[in-house]
């Protein structure tokens, strides 16, 4: 399942309030600035900082290279 475009336009990182990169192939939300990854379960984004994982720089680069889109109104 994937996240609805309307919802993606509303989402931001709960910690720094910045945009996220929605990786469609892996169904995760990545903060490209911090490397925090938020899981998407079904069609629900788990935006809890305690449940996020931090990925290494090489994994962050890999995720950013995959197809996806930024959250927030500028992603249109």
Protein backbone atom coordinates (compact mmCIF):
# COMPACT_ATOMS: atom_id res chain seq x y z
CA UNK A 1 0.00 0.00 0.00
CA UNK A 2 1.09 3.57 -0.47
CA UNK A 3 0.29 6.83 1.21
CA UNK A 4 -2.38 9.11 -0.20
CA UNK A 5 -1.10 12.23 -1.97
CA UNK A 6 -3.32 14.49 0.15
CA UNK A 7 -1.76 13.06 3.32
CA UNK A 8 1.77 13.40 1.92
CA UNK A 9 1.13 17.10 1.35
CA UNK A 10 0.36 17.47 5.08
CA UNK A 11 3.20 15.42 6.60
CA UNK A 12 6.39 16.81 8.06
CA UNK A 13 9.05 15.44 10.38
CA UNK A 14 7.75 15.51 13.98
CA UNK A 15 11.15 16.61 15.32
CA UNK A 16 12.49 19.27 12.96
CA UNK A 17 9.22 20.05 11.13
CA UNK A 18 10.94 19.74 7.76
CA UNK A 19 9.95 17.83 4.65
CA UNK A 20 10.37 14.08 4.30
CA UNK A 21 11.23 11.90 1.30
CA UNK A 22 8.56 9.25 0.75
CA UNK A 23 10.31 6.20 -0.72
CA UNK A 24 7.55 4.48 -2.64
CA UNK A 25 9.41 1.19 -3.27
CA UNK A 26 10.18 0.69 0.43
CA UNK A 27 7.08 2.45 1.79
CA UNK A 28 9.03 4.53 4.30
CA UNK A 29 9.45 8.22 5.06
CA UNK A 30 13.02 9.50 5.28
CA UNK A 31 14.24 12.74 6.80
CA UNK A 32 17.05 13.56 4.35
CA UNK A 33 18.68 15.94 6.84
CA UNK A 34 18.92 13.60 9.84
CA UNK A 35 18.65 10.11 8.34
CA UNK A 36 15.61 9.26 10.48
CA UNK A 37 13.33 6.73 8.82
CA UNK A 38 9.66 6.42 9.74
CA UNK A 39 7.88 3.19 8.91
CA UNK A 40 4.60 3.08 7.03
CA UNK A 41 2.35 0.24 8.14
CA UNK A 42 -0.37 -0.43 5.62
CA UNK A 43 -1.48 3.09 4.79
CA UNK A 44 -0.58 4.61 8.18
CA UNK A 45 2.61 6.60 8.67
CA UNK A 46 4.11 5.87 12.08
CA UNK A 47 5.40 9.34 12.91
CA UNK A 48 6.63 8.59 16.42
CA UNK A 49 10.19 9.68 17.09
CA UNK A 50 10.67 6.77 19.49
CA UNK A 51 9.88 4.27 16.73
CA UNK A 52 12.02 5.89 14.02
CA UNK A 53 15.37 4.43 13.08
CA UNK A 54 18.46 6.36 12.05
CA UNK A 55 20.25 5.04 8.98
CA UNK A 56 23.89 5.44 8.01
CA UNK A 57 24.90 7.95 5.34
CA UNK A 58 25.25 5.31 2.63
CA UNK A 59 21.75 3.96 3.33
CA UNK A 60 20.37 7.51 3.34
CA UNK A 61 21.92 8.11 -0.09
CA UNK A 62 20.51 4.82 -1.38
CA UNK A 63 16.99 5.70 -0.19
CA UNK A 64 17.18 9.20 -1.69
CA UNK A 65 18.14 7.67 -5.06
CA UNK A 66 14.97 5.54 -5.13
CA UNK A 67 11.73 6.80 -6.71
CA UNK A 68 9.62 8.89 -4.39
CA UNK A 69 8.46 12.38 -3.58
CA UNK A 70 8.89 15.03 -0.95
CA UNK A 71 6.12 15.71 1.53
CA UNK A 72 4.67 19.13 2.01
CA UNK A 73 3.05 21.59 -0.34
CA UNK A 74 6.22 22.19 -2.37
CA UNK A 75 6.10 18.57 -3.63
CA UNK A 76 3.29 19.33 -6.09
